[in-house]
């Protein structure tokens, strides 16, 4: 597979993934995080392997 085909396929999958995100779930999550922050509560983000790396940057 040449780079152009790879790039176009990657972009198609990326766009499809973004379109599949439930914006209401993201909004609810953001509100829950903000509520916890304002109440000085703790939130733990946990991952394993690559997702652990993502969790540390997310927090």
PDB file of N, CA and C in Angstrom:
ATOM      1  N   UNK A   1       0.861  -1.180   0.000  1.00  0.00           N
ATOM      2  CA  UNK A   1       0.000   0.000   0.000  1.00  0.00           C
ATOM      3  C   UNK A   1       0.901   1.235   0.000  1.00  0.00           C
ATOM      4  N   UNK A   2       0.658   2.136  -0.913  1.00  0.00           N
ATOM      5  CA  UNK A   2       1.480   3.343  -0.934  1.00  0.00           C
ATOM      6  C   UNK A   2       0.968   4.356   0.090  1.00  0.00           C
ATOM      7  N   UNK A   3       1.751   5.379   0.304  1.00  0.00           N
ATOM      8  CA  UNK A   3       1.435   6.341   1.352  1.00  0.00           C
ATOM      9  C   UNK A   3       0.105   7.043   1.106  1.00  0.00           C
ATOM     10  N   UNK A   4      -0.177   7.426  -0.128  1.00  0.00           N
ATOM     11  CA  UNK A   4      -1.435   8.132  -0.420  1.00  0.00           C
ATOM     12  C   UNK A   4      -2.656   7.303  -0.038  1.00  0.00           C
ATOM     13  N   UNK A   5      -2.649   6.031  -0.386  1.00  0.00           N
ATOM     14  CA  UNK A   5      -3.771   5.153  -0.042  1.00  0.00           C
ATOM     15  C   UNK A   5      -3.870   4.978   1.469  1.00  0.00           C
ATOM     16  N   UNK A   6      -2.713   4.793   2.103  1.00  0.00           N
ATOM     17  CA  UNK A   6      -2.693   4.650   3.560  1.00  0.00           C
ATOM     18  C   UNK A   6      -3.273   5.891   4.225  1.00  0.00           C
ATOM     19  N   UNK A   7      -2.827   7.058   3.770  1.00  0.00           N
ATOM     20  CA  UNK A   7      -3.276   8.331   4.341  1.00  0.00           C
ATOM     21  C   UNK A   7      -4.782   8.514   4.178  1.00  0.00           C
ATOM     22  N   UNK A   8      -5.292   8.252   2.987  1.00  0.00           N
ATOM     23  CA  UNK A   8      -6.731   8.412   2.746  1.00  0.00           C
ATOM     24  C   UNK A   8      -7.545   7.442   3.593  1.00  0.00           C
ATOM     25  N   UNK A   9      -7.090   6.198   3.706  1.00  0.00           N
ATOM     26  CA  UNK A   9      -7.797   5.213   4.526  1.00  0.00           C
ATOM     27  C   UNK A   9      -7.764   5.633   5.997  1.00  0.00           C
ATOM     28  N   UNK A  10      -6.614   6.120   6.440  1.00  0.00           N
ATOM     29  CA  UNK A  10      -6.480   6.591   7.818  1.00  0.00           C
ATOM     30  C   UNK A  10      -7.451   7.739   8.081  1.00  0.00           C
ATOM     31  N   UNK A  11      -7.505   8.701   7.185  1.00  0.00           N
ATOM     32  CA  UNK A  11      -8.408   9.843   7.348  1.00  0.00           C
ATOM     33  C   UNK A  11      -9.866   9.405   7.379  1.00  0.00           C
ATOM     34  N   UNK A  12     -10.235   8.462   6.520  1.00  0.00           N
ATOM     35  CA  UNK A  12     -11.608   7.946   6.511  1.00  0.00           C
ATOM     36  C   UNK A  12     -11.961   7.312   7.853  1.00  0.00           C
ATOM     37  N   UNK A  13     -11.053   6.513   8.380  1.00  0.00           N
ATOM     38  CA  UNK A  13     -11.308   5.857   9.673  1.00  0.00           C
ATOM     39  C   UNK A  13     -11.362   6.881  10.797  1.00  0.00           C
ATOM     40  N   UNK A  14     -10.494   7.886  10.738  1.00  0.00           N
ATOM     41  CA  UNK A  14     -10.481   8.928  11.768  1.00  0.00           C
ATOM     42  C   UNK A  14     -11.794   9.703  11.761  1.00  0.00           C
ATOM     43  N   UNK A  15     -12.236  10.106  10.591  1.00  0.00           N
ATOM     44  CA  UNK A  15     -13.501  10.842  10.475  1.00  0.00           C
ATOM     45  C   UNK A  15     -14.674   9.985  10.948  1.00  0.00           C
ATOM     46  N   UNK A  16     -14.668   8.725  10.578  1.00  0.00           N
ATOM     47  CA  UNK A  16     -15.730   7.818  11.013  1.00  0.00           C
ATOM     48  C   UNK A  16     -15.740   7.683  12.534  1.00  0.00           C
ATOM     49  N   UNK A  17     -14.567   7.578  13.119  1.00  0.00           N
ATOM     50  CA  UNK A  17     -14.468   7.462  14.583  1.00  0.00           C
ATOM     51  C   UNK A  17     -14.975   8.720  15.271  1.00  0.00           C
ATOM     52  N   UNK A  18     -14.588   9.865  14.749  1.00  0.00           N
ATOM     53  CA  UNK A  18     -15.027  11.142  15.346  1.00  0.00           C
ATOM     54  C   UNK A  18     -16.543  11.278  15.255  1.00  0.00           C
ATOM     55  N   UNK A  19     -17.108  10.908  14.110  1.00  0.00           N
ATOM     56  CA  UNK A  19     -18.563  11.001  13.933  1.00  0.00           C
ATOM     57  C   UNK A  19     -19.325  10.063  14.857  1.00  0.00           C
ATOM     58  N   UNK A  20     -18.689   8.987  15.294  1.00  0.00           N
ATOM     59  CA  UNK A  20     -19.373   8.009  16.140  1.00  0.00           C
ATOM     60  C   UNK A  20     -19.371   8.388  17.623  1.00  0.00           C
ATOM     61  N   UNK A  21     -18.662   9.452  17.981  1.00  0.00           N
ATOM     62  CA  UNK A  21     -18.598   9.870  19.382  1.00  0.00           C
ATOM     63  C   UNK A  21     -19.954  10.419  19.815  1.00  0.00           C
ATOM     64  N   UNK A  22     -20.429   9.960  20.954  1.00  0.00           N
ATOM     65  CA  UNK A  22     -21.694  10.436  21.516  1.00  0.00           C
ATOM     66  C   UNK A  22     -21.420  11.742  22.255  1.00  0.00           C
ATOM     67  N   UNK A  23     -21.762  12.861  21.635  1.00  0.00           N
ATOM     68  CA  UNK A  23     -21.456  14.182  22.191  1.00  0.00           C
ATOM     69  C   UNK A  23     -22.162  14.392  23.532  1.00  0.00           C
ATOM     70  N   UNK A  24     -23.318  13.776  23.726  1.00  0.00           N
ATOM     71  CA  UNK A  24     -24.024  13.906  25.002  1.00  0.00           C
ATOM     72  C   UNK A  24     -23.258  13.211  26.120  1.00  0.00           C
ATOM     73  N   UNK A  25     -22.638  12.080  25.816  1.00  0.00           N
ATOM     74  CA  UNK A  25     -21.831  11.367  26.808  1.00  0.00           C
ATOM     75  C   UNK A  25     -20.585  12.183  27.165  1.00  0.00           C
ATOM     76  N   UNK A  26     -19.991  12.816  26.161  1.00  0.00           N
ATOM     77  CA  UNK A  26     -18.816  13.661  26.408  1.00  0.00           C
ATOM     78  C   UNK A  26     -19.205  14.849  27.286  1.00  0.00           C
ATOM     79  N   UNK A  27     -20.342  15.452  26.984  1.00  0.00           N
ATOM     80  CA  UNK A  27     -20.827  16.584  27.777  1.00  0.00           C
ATOM     81  C   UNK A  27     -21.089  16.169  29.218  1.00  0.00           C
ATOM     82  N   UNK A  28     -21.742  15.029  29.403  1.00  0.00           N
ATOM     83  CA  UNK A  28     -22.013  14.530  30.750  1.00  0.00           C
ATOM     84  C   UNK A  28     -20.715  14.276  31.509  1.00  0.00           C
ATOM     85  N   UNK A  29     -19.757  13.642  30.838  1.00  0.00           N
ATOM     86  CA  UNK A  29     -18.461  13.373  31.464  1.00  0.00           C
ATOM     87  C   UNK A  29     -17.777  14.673  31.885  1.00  0.00           C
ATOM     88  N   UNK A  30     -17.768  15.660  31.004  1.00  0.00           N
ATOM     89  CA  UNK A  30     -17.132  16.944  31.311  1.00  0.00           C
ATOM     90  C   UNK A  30     -17.811  17.622  32.504  1.00  0.00           C
ATOM     91  N   UNK A  31     -19.122  17.552  32.543  1.00  0.00           N
ATOM     92  CA  UNK A  31     -19.850  18.155  33.670  1.00  0.00           C
ATOM     93  C   UNK A  31     -19.547  17.425  34.979  1.00  0.00           C
ATOM     94  N   UNK A  32     -19.437  16.110  34.913  1.00  0.00           N
ATOM     95  CA  UNK A  32     -19.120  15.338  36.122  1.00  0.00           C
ATOM     96  C   UNK A  32     -17.708  15.668  36.627  1.00  0.00           C
ATOM     97  N   UNK A  33     -16.766  15.795  35.706  1.00  0.00           N
ATOM     98  CA  UNK A  33     -15.395  16.146  36.090  1.00  0.00           C
ATOM     99  C   UNK A  33     -15.364  17.542  36.701  1.00  0.00           C
ATOM    100  N   UNK A  34     -16.041  18.492  36.080  1.00  0.00           N
ATOM    101  CA  UNK A  34     -16.060  19.857  36.603  1.00  0.00           C
ATOM    102  C   UNK A  34     -16.737  19.910  37.970  1.00  0.00           C
ATOM    103  N   UNK A  35     -17.816  19.174  38.133  1.00  0.00           N
ATOM    104  CA  UNK A  35     -18.511  19.129  39.419  1.00  0.00           C
ATOM    105  C   UNK A  35     -17.598  18.576  40.508  1.00  0.00           C
ATOM    106  N   UNK A  36     -16.888  17.510  40.201  1.00  0.00           N
ATOM    107  CA  UNK A  36     -15.954  16.928  41.166  1.00  0.00           C
ATOM    108  C   UNK A  36     -14.846  17.921  41.497  1.00  0.00           C
ATOM    109  N   UNK A  37     -14.336  18.614  40.481  1.00  0.00           N
ATOM    110  CA  UNK A  37     -13.276  19.604  40.689  1.00  0.00           C
ATOM    111  C   UNK A  37     -13.756  20.729  41.615  1.00  0.00           C
ATOM    112  N   UNK A  38     -14.943  21.244  41.339  1.00  0.00           N
ATOM    113  CA  UNK A  38     -15.475  22.347  42.155  1.00  0.00           C
ATOM    114  C   UNK A  38     -15.754  21.925  43.594  1.00  0.00           C
ATOM    115  N   UNK A  39     -16.046  20.649  43.803  1.00  0.00           N
ATOM    116  CA  UNK A  39     -16.291  20.125  45.150  1.00  0.00           C
ATOM    117  C   UNK A  39     -15.020  19.573  45.788  1.00  0.00           C
ATOM    118  N   UNK A  40     -13.877  19.808  45.102  1.00  0.00           N
ATOM    119  CA  UNK A  40     -12.562  19.350  45.572  1.00  0.00           C
ATOM    120  C   UNK A  40     -12.534  17.838  45.823  1.00  0.00           C
ATOM    121  N   UNK A  41     -13.166  17.105  44.938  1.00  0.00           N
ATOM    122  CA  UNK A  41     -13.167  15.647  45.005  1.00  0.00           C
ATOM    123  C   UNK A  41     -12.011  15.107  44.166  1.00  0.00           C
ATOM    124  N   UNK A  42     -11.729  13.828  44.310  1.00  0.00           N
ATOM    125  CA  UNK A  42     -10.669  13.189  43.536  1.00  0.00           C
ATOM    126  C   UNK A  42     -11.272  12.300  42.462  1.00  0.00           C
ATOM    127  N   UNK A  43     -10.617  12.296  41.317  1.00  0.00           N
ATOM    128  CA  UNK A  43     -10.985  11.414  40.219  1.00  0.00           C
ATOM    129  C   UNK A  43      -9.734  10.648  39.833  1.00  0.00           C
ATOM    130  N   UNK A  44      -9.860   9.346  39.690  1.00  0.00           N
ATOM    131  CA  UNK A  44      -8.731   8.508  39.304  1.00  0.00           C
ATOM    132  C   UNK A  44      -8.932   8.026  37.874  1.00  0.00           C
ATOM    133  N   UNK A  45      -7.945   8.290  37.023  1.00  0.00           N
ATOM    134  CA  UNK A  45      -7.942   7.791  35.653  1.00  0.00           C
ATOM    135  C   UNK A  45      -6.908   6.679  35.601  1.00  0.00           C
ATOM    136  N   UNK A  46      -7.348   5.506  35.229  1.00  0.00           N
ATOM    137  CA  UNK A  46      -6.483   4.332  35.279  1.00  0.00           C
ATOM    138  C   UNK A  46      -6.404   3.700  33.895  1.00  0.00           C
ATOM    139  N   UNK A  47      -5.215   3.245  33.549  1.00  0.00           N
ATOM    140  CA  UNK A  47      -5.043   2.557  32.283  1.00  0.00           C
ATOM    141  C   UNK A  47      -3.965   1.502  32.412  1.00  0.00           C
ATOM    142  N   UNK A  48      -3.790   0.739  31.357  1.00  0.00           N
ATOM    143  CA  UNK A  48      -2.798  -0.324  31.333  1.00  0.00           C
ATOM    144  C   UNK A  48      -2.026  -0.190  30.018  1.00  0.00           C
ATOM    145  N   UNK A  49      -0.718  -0.111  30.096  1.00  0.00           N
ATOM    146  CA  UNK A  49       0.076   0.033  28.876  1.00  0.00           C
ATOM    147  C   UNK A  49      -0.087   1.423  28.297  1.00  0.00           C
ATOM    148  N   UNK A  50      -0.422   1.477  27.016  1.00  0.00           N
ATOM    149  CA  UNK A  50      -0.581   2.766  26.340  1.00  0.00           C
ATOM    150  C   UNK A  50      -1.693   3.610  26.936  1.00  0.00           C
ATOM    151  N   UNK A  51      -2.758   2.966  27.395  1.00  0.00           N
ATOM    152  CA  UNK A  51      -3.853   3.723  27.993  1.00  0.00           C
ATOM    153  C   UNK A  51      -3.458   4.309  29.346  1.00  0.00           C
ATOM    154  N   UNK A  52      -2.498   3.691  30.022  1.00  0.00           N
ATOM    155  CA  UNK A  52      -1.978   4.257  31.271  1.00  0.00           C
ATOM    156  C   UNK A  52      -1.244   5.564  30.982  1.00  0.00           C
ATOM    157  N   UNK A  53      -0.499   5.559  29.904  1.00  0.00           N
ATOM    158  CA  UNK A  53       0.224   6.758  29.479  1.00  0.00           C
ATOM    159  C   UNK A  53      -0.781   7.871  29.150  1.00  0.00           C
ATOM    160  N   UNK A  54      -1.835   7.518  28.457  1.00  0.00           N
ATOM    161  CA  UNK A  54      -2.878   8.486  28.131  1.00  0.00           C
ATOM    162  C   UNK A  54      -3.554   9.001  29.399  1.00  0.00           C
ATOM    163  N   UNK A  55      -3.825   8.121  30.347  1.00  0.00           N
ATOM    164  CA  UNK A  55      -4.488   8.503  31.592  1.00  0.00           C
ATOM    165  C   UNK A  55      -3.656   9.517  32.366  1.00  0.00           C
ATOM    166  N   UNK A  56      -2.334   9.343  32.377  1.00  0.00           N
ATOM    167  CA  UNK A  56      -1.491  10.301  33.113  1.00  0.00           C
ATOM    168  C   UNK A  56      -1.510  11.671  32.460  1.00  0.00           C
ATOM    169  N   UNK A  57      -1.635  11.723  31.158  1.00  0.00           N
ATOM    170  CA  UNK A  57      -1.675  13.020  30.481  1.00  0.00           C
ATOM    171  C   UNK A  57      -3.057  13.635  30.551  1.00  0.00           C
ATOM    172  N   UNK A  58      -4.071  12.812  30.626  1.00  0.00           N
ATOM    173  CA  UNK A  58      -5.434  13.315  30.715  1.00  0.00           C
ATOM    174  C   UNK A  58      -5.656  14.052  32.021  1.00  0.00           C
ATOM    175  N   UNK A  59      -5.177  13.445  33.099  1.00  0.00           N
ATOM    176  CA  UNK A  59      -5.365  14.028  34.431  1.00  0.00           C
ATOM    177  C   UNK A  59      -4.520  15.261  34.565  1.00  0.00           C
TER     178      UNK A  59
END
